[in-house]
Amino acid sequence: MPRNEGVRYHTISEVSELLGVEPHVIRYWEKEFPQLKPRRIAGRRFYGSKEIELLRRIKHLLYEKGYTISGARKVLSGDDSGEAPCREILAEVRRELEELYRSLS
C-alpha cells in the first residue's frame, strides 16, 4: 500500500465498507465526478483522506439531500447558483413546521 508522509491510503474495498456503498458505485462516481482522482498503482485504486471526504460528501448529496448526479456535480464544482442554500433553508423550515404540528397535536 502506498505511503506518503504518514498519509494512509485505502483500497476500494476498504472505502466501500467504510461508506456502506458497493465498489461499483464508487467506480461509477469516479467517472461522473472529475474531482475524484484516486491514486493508481499497478492498476489498483488507493484513496487518501481527501478522496474519502469527497466520497462522503458525494454520498451525502445523493443519498441524504436527494440531489441528482448532475446537481451534485454542480454543487461540488461550486456552480450551484444558490440552489443548495435554498434547499437547506426549505428543509429546515419544513422540519420546524413538522415539529410545531406535532407539538400542537
N, C-alpha and C. Protein backbone atom coordinates (compact mmCIF):
# COMPACT_ATOMS: atom_id res chain seq x y z
N MET A 1 0.85 -1.17 0.00
CA MET A 1 0.00 0.00 0.00
C MET A 1 0.90 1.24 0.00
N PRO A 2 0.63 2.23 -0.86
CA PRO A 2 1.50 3.40 -0.92
C PRO A 2 1.42 4.23 0.34
N ARG A 3 2.54 4.86 0.65
CA ARG A 3 2.58 5.74 1.82
C ARG A 3 3.18 7.07 1.40
N ASN A 4 2.69 8.14 1.99
CA ASN A 4 3.19 9.46 1.69
C ASN A 4 3.17 10.30 2.95
N GLU A 5 4.31 10.41 3.61
CA GLU A 5 4.44 11.23 4.81
C GLU A 5 3.35 10.92 5.84
N GLY A 6 3.11 9.68 6.12
CA GLY A 6 2.16 9.30 7.14
C GLY A 6 0.71 9.26 6.69
N VAL A 7 0.44 9.59 5.43
CA VAL A 7 -0.93 9.55 4.93
C VAL A 7 -1.30 8.11 4.65
N ARG A 8 -2.41 7.67 5.18
CA ARG A 8 -2.85 6.29 4.97
C ARG A 8 -3.74 6.25 3.74
N TYR A 9 -3.49 5.29 2.89
CA TYR A 9 -4.30 5.08 1.70
C TYR A 9 -5.12 3.81 1.89
N HIS A 10 -6.33 3.82 1.34
CA HIS A 10 -7.25 2.70 1.49
C HIS A 10 -7.60 2.15 0.12
N THR A 11 -7.85 0.86 0.07
CA THR A 11 -8.28 0.22 -1.18
C THR A 11 -9.76 0.51 -1.39
N ILE A 12 -10.23 0.23 -2.59
CA ILE A 12 -11.64 0.46 -2.90
C ILE A 12 -12.54 -0.41 -2.01
N SER A 13 -12.08 -1.60 -1.66
CA SER A 13 -12.87 -2.47 -0.77
C SER A 13 -13.02 -1.86 0.61
N GLU A 14 -11.93 -1.31 1.12
CA GLU A 14 -11.97 -0.67 2.45
C GLU A 14 -12.88 0.56 2.44
N VAL A 15 -12.76 1.36 1.39
CA VAL A 15 -13.59 2.57 1.29
C VAL A 15 -15.05 2.19 1.12
N SER A 16 -15.30 1.16 0.34
CA SER A 16 -16.66 0.67 0.13
C SER A 16 -17.31 0.28 1.46
N GLU A 17 -16.57 -0.45 2.26
CA GLU A 17 -17.07 -0.87 3.57
C GLU A 17 -17.26 0.33 4.50
N LEU A 18 -16.33 1.25 4.46
CA LEU A 18 -16.38 2.44 5.30
C LEU A 18 -17.61 3.30 4.99
N LEU A 19 -17.93 3.45 3.70
CA LEU A 19 -19.04 4.30 3.29
C LEU A 19 -20.38 3.57 3.21
N GLY A 20 -20.33 2.25 3.16
CA GLY A 20 -21.57 1.50 3.05
C GLY A 20 -22.16 1.51 1.65
N VAL A 21 -21.29 1.59 0.64
CA VAL A 21 -21.73 1.51 -0.75
C VAL A 21 -20.88 0.45 -1.45
N GLU A 22 -21.40 -0.09 -2.53
CA GLU A 22 -20.69 -1.13 -3.27
C GLU A 22 -19.52 -0.52 -4.05
N PRO A 23 -18.47 -1.31 -4.30
CA PRO A 23 -17.33 -0.80 -5.06
C PRO A 23 -17.71 -0.28 -6.45
N HIS A 24 -18.69 -0.91 -7.11
CA HIS A 24 -19.06 -0.44 -8.44
C HIS A 24 -19.67 0.96 -8.39
N VAL A 25 -20.29 1.32 -7.27
CA VAL A 25 -20.84 2.67 -7.10
C VAL A 25 -19.69 3.68 -7.04
N ILE A 26 -18.66 3.35 -6.31
CA ILE A 26 -17.50 4.24 -6.20
C ILE A 26 -16.84 4.41 -7.57
N ARG A 27 -16.70 3.31 -8.31
CA ARG A 27 -16.11 3.40 -9.65
C ARG A 27 -16.97 4.27 -10.57
N TYR A 28 -18.29 4.15 -10.44
CA TYR A 28 -19.20 4.98 -11.24
C TYR A 28 -19.03 6.45 -10.88
N TRP A 29 -18.96 6.75 -9.58
CA TRP A 29 -18.77 8.14 -9.14
C TRP A 29 -17.46 8.71 -9.68
N GLU A 30 -16.43 7.88 -9.79
CA GLU A 30 -15.16 8.35 -10.36
C GLU A 30 -15.35 8.85 -11.78
N LYS A 31 -16.22 8.19 -12.53
CA LYS A 31 -16.49 8.61 -13.91
C LYS A 31 -17.30 9.90 -13.95
N GLU A 32 -18.20 10.07 -13.00
CA GLU A 32 -19.13 11.20 -13.01
C GLU A 32 -18.59 12.47 -12.34
N PHE A 33 -17.67 12.33 -11.42
CA PHE A 33 -17.14 13.47 -10.68
C PHE A 33 -15.65 13.63 -10.98
N PRO A 34 -15.30 14.59 -11.83
CA PRO A 34 -13.90 14.74 -12.24
C PRO A 34 -12.94 15.08 -11.10
N GLN A 35 -13.46 15.62 -10.00
CA GLN A 35 -12.60 15.95 -8.85
C GLN A 35 -12.08 14.70 -8.15
N LEU A 36 -12.75 13.59 -8.34
CA LEU A 36 -12.41 12.35 -7.65
C LEU A 36 -11.34 11.60 -8.44
N LYS A 37 -10.12 11.66 -7.96
CA LYS A 37 -9.00 11.03 -8.65
C LYS A 37 -8.15 10.24 -7.66
N PRO A 38 -8.48 8.97 -7.43
CA PRO A 38 -7.65 8.17 -6.53
C PRO A 38 -6.30 7.88 -7.18
N ARG A 39 -5.33 7.59 -6.35
CA ARG A 39 -4.02 7.18 -6.87
C ARG A 39 -4.15 5.79 -7.46
N ARG A 40 -3.44 5.56 -8.54
CA ARG A 40 -3.44 4.23 -9.16
C ARG A 40 -2.02 3.72 -9.23
N ILE A 41 -1.85 2.55 -8.68
CA ILE A 41 -0.55 1.89 -8.73
C ILE A 41 -0.79 0.46 -9.20
N ALA A 42 -0.18 0.12 -10.31
CA ALA A 42 -0.33 -1.22 -10.90
C ALA A 42 -1.80 -1.56 -11.12
N GLY A 43 -2.58 -0.56 -11.53
CA GLY A 43 -3.98 -0.79 -11.84
C GLY A 43 -4.92 -0.82 -10.64
N ARG A 44 -4.38 -0.67 -9.43
CA ARG A 44 -5.22 -0.68 -8.23
C ARG A 44 -5.45 0.74 -7.76
N ARG A 45 -6.65 1.00 -7.24
CA ARG A 45 -7.01 2.33 -6.74
C ARG A 45 -6.67 2.43 -5.26
N PHE A 46 -6.13 3.59 -4.89
CA PHE A 46 -5.86 3.88 -3.49
C PHE A 46 -6.41 5.26 -3.17
N TYR A 47 -7.18 5.33 -2.10
CA TYR A 47 -7.87 6.56 -1.71
C TYR A 47 -7.26 7.13 -0.44
N GLY A 48 -6.91 8.41 -0.49
CA GLY A 48 -6.42 9.11 0.68
C GLY A 48 -7.57 9.79 1.41
N SER A 49 -7.24 10.53 2.44
CA SER A 49 -8.28 11.16 3.25
C SER A 49 -9.09 12.19 2.45
N LYS A 50 -8.45 12.90 1.52
CA LYS A 50 -9.19 13.89 0.72
C LYS A 50 -10.21 13.21 -0.18
N GLU A 51 -9.83 12.11 -0.80
CA GLU A 51 -10.76 11.39 -1.67
C GLU A 51 -11.91 10.79 -0.86
N ILE A 52 -11.60 10.28 0.32
CA ILE A 52 -12.65 9.68 1.16
C ILE A 52 -13.62 10.76 1.62
N GLU A 53 -13.12 11.93 1.97
CA GLU A 53 -14.00 13.03 2.37
C GLU A 53 -14.89 13.46 1.20
N LEU A 54 -14.33 13.51 0.01
CA LEU A 54 -15.12 13.86 -1.18
C LEU A 54 -16.18 12.79 -1.43
N LEU A 55 -15.83 11.53 -1.28
CA LEU A 55 -16.82 10.45 -1.45
C LEU A 55 -17.94 10.56 -0.42
N ARG A 56 -17.59 10.91 0.81
CA ARG A 56 -18.63 11.10 1.84
C ARG A 56 -19.57 12.23 1.45
N ARG A 57 -19.00 13.31 0.92
CA ARG A 57 -19.82 14.45 0.51
C ARG A 57 -20.73 14.08 -0.66
N ILE A 58 -20.19 13.33 -1.62
CA ILE A 58 -21.00 12.87 -2.76
C ILE A 58 -22.15 12.01 -2.26
N LYS A 59 -21.85 11.07 -1.38
CA LYS A 59 -22.89 10.19 -0.84
C LYS A 59 -23.95 11.00 -0.11
N HIS A 60 -23.52 11.97 0.68
CA HIS A 60 -24.46 12.82 1.43
C HIS A 60 -25.38 13.58 0.46
N LEU A 61 -24.81 14.18 -0.57
CA LEU A 61 -25.61 14.94 -1.53
C LEU A 61 -26.60 14.04 -2.27
N LEU A 62 -26.15 12.86 -2.67
CA LEU A 62 -27.02 11.97 -3.46
C LEU A 62 -28.05 11.25 -2.61
N TYR A 63 -27.62 10.68 -1.49
CA TYR A 63 -28.50 9.81 -0.71
C TYR A 63 -29.31 10.54 0.34
N GLU A 64 -28.75 11.57 0.95
CA GLU A 64 -29.45 12.25 2.04
C GLU A 64 -30.13 13.53 1.58
N LYS A 65 -29.49 14.27 0.70
CA LYS A 65 -30.06 15.53 0.22
C LYS A 65 -30.94 15.34 -1.01
N GLY A 66 -30.82 14.20 -1.67
CA GLY A 66 -31.68 13.90 -2.81
C GLY A 66 -31.26 14.56 -4.12
N TYR A 67 -30.01 14.97 -4.22
CA TYR A 67 -29.53 15.57 -5.46
C TYR A 67 -29.39 14.52 -6.55
N THR A 68 -29.50 14.96 -7.80
CA THR A 68 -29.16 14.10 -8.92
C THR A 68 -27.64 14.15 -9.09
N ILE A 69 -27.11 13.26 -9.92
CA ILE A 69 -25.68 13.28 -10.20
C ILE A 69 -25.28 14.66 -10.74
N SER A 70 -26.07 15.15 -11.67
CA SER A 70 -25.78 16.45 -12.28
C SER A 70 -25.81 17.57 -11.24
N GLY A 71 -26.81 17.55 -10.37
CA GLY A 71 -26.92 18.56 -9.32
C GLY A 71 -25.77 18.50 -8.34
N ALA A 72 -25.39 17.29 -7.95
CA ALA A 72 -24.27 17.13 -7.01
C ALA A 72 -22.97 17.59 -7.67
N ARG A 73 -22.83 17.30 -8.96
CA ARG A 73 -21.64 17.74 -9.68
C ARG A 73 -21.54 19.26 -9.67
N LYS A 74 -22.68 19.94 -9.86
CA LYS A 74 -22.70 21.41 -9.84
C LYS A 74 -22.34 21.94 -8.45
N VAL A 75 -22.91 21.34 -7.43
CA VAL A 75 -22.61 21.79 -6.06
C VAL A 75 -21.13 21.63 -5.77
N LEU A 76 -20.57 20.50 -6.14
CA LEU A 76 -19.16 20.24 -5.85
C LEU A 76 -18.22 21.11 -6.68
N SER A 77 -18.68 21.53 -7.85
CA SER A 77 -17.84 22.40 -8.67
C SER A 77 -18.00 23.86 -8.26
N GLY A 78 -18.92 24.13 -7.32
CA GLY A 78 -19.12 25.49 -6.85
C GLY A 78 -20.09 26.28 -7.70
N ASP A 79 -20.74 25.63 -8.67
CA ASP A 79 -21.67 26.32 -9.56
C ASP A 79 -23.10 25.92 -9.25
N ASP A 80 -23.51 26.11 -8.00
CA ASP A 80 -24.87 25.71 -7.63
C ASP A 80 -25.84 26.88 -7.72
N SER A 81 -25.37 28.07 -8.04
CA SER A 81 -26.21 29.25 -8.22
C SER A 81 -27.14 29.49 -7.05
N GLY A 82 -26.71 29.19 -5.84
CA GLY A 82 -27.54 29.44 -4.67
C GLY A 82 -28.59 28.38 -4.42
N GLU A 83 -28.62 27.34 -5.23
CA GLU A 83 -29.65 26.32 -5.09
C GLU A 83 -29.52 25.55 -3.78
N ALA A 84 -28.30 25.21 -3.39
CA ALA A 84 -28.10 24.43 -2.17
C ALA A 84 -28.59 25.17 -0.93
N PRO A 85 -28.23 26.44 -0.73
CA PRO A 85 -28.73 27.14 0.45
C PRO A 85 -30.26 27.20 0.48
N CYS A 86 -30.89 27.39 -0.67
CA CYS A 86 -32.36 27.44 -0.70
C CYS A 86 -32.95 26.10 -0.28
N ARG A 87 -32.39 25.02 -0.77
CA ARG A 87 -32.90 23.70 -0.39
C ARG A 87 -32.72 23.46 1.10
N GLU A 88 -31.58 23.86 1.62
CA GLU A 88 -31.32 23.67 3.05
C GLU A 88 -32.27 24.50 3.89
N ILE A 89 -32.53 25.72 3.48
CA ILE A 89 -33.47 26.58 4.21
C ILE A 89 -34.86 25.98 4.17
N LEU A 90 -35.29 25.53 3.00
CA LEU A 90 -36.61 24.91 2.89
C LEU A 90 -36.72 23.65 3.75
N ALA A 91 -35.67 22.85 3.77
CA ALA A 91 -35.68 21.64 4.59
C ALA A 91 -35.78 22.00 6.07
N GLU A 92 -35.06 23.03 6.49
CA GLU A 92 -35.10 23.47 7.88
C GLU A 92 -36.49 23.99 8.25
N VAL A 93 -37.09 24.78 7.37
CA VAL A 93 -38.44 25.30 7.61
C VAL A 93 -39.43 24.15 7.71
N ARG A 94 -39.29 23.18 6.82
CA ARG A 94 -40.18 22.01 6.85
C ARG A 94 -40.06 21.27 8.17
N ARG A 95 -38.82 21.05 8.64
CA ARG A 95 -38.61 20.36 9.92
C ARG A 95 -39.25 21.14 11.07
N GLU A 96 -39.08 22.45 11.07
CA GLU A 96 -39.66 23.27 12.14
C GLU A 96 -41.18 23.22 12.11
N LEU A 97 -41.76 23.26 10.91
CA LEU A 97 -43.22 23.17 10.80
C LEU A 97 -43.73 21.82 11.27
N GLU A 98 -43.01 20.75 10.93
CA GLU A 98 -43.43 19.42 11.37
C GLU A 98 -43.34 19.30 12.89
N GLU A 99 -42.30 19.87 13.49
CA GLU A 99 -42.18 19.85 14.95
C GLU A 99 -43.31 20.64 15.59
N LEU A 100 -43.62 21.79 15.02
CA LEU A 100 -44.71 22.62 15.53
C LEU A 100 -46.04 21.88 15.42
N TYR A 101 -46.27 21.23 14.30
CA TYR A 101 -47.50 20.47 14.10
C TYR A 101 -47.62 19.34 15.12
N ARG A 102 -46.51 18.62 15.34
CA ARG A 102 -46.52 17.53 16.33
C ARG A 102 -46.79 18.06 17.73
N SER A 103 -46.22 19.20 18.06
CA SER A 103 -46.42 19.74 19.41
C SER A 103 -47.86 20.23 19.61
N LEU A 104 -48.52 20.63 18.54
CA LEU A 104 -49.91 21.08 18.64
C LEU A 104 -50.90 19.92 18.64
N SER A 105 -50.49 18.78 18.17
CA SER A 105 -51.39 17.62 18.08
C SER A 105 -51.59 16.96 19.41
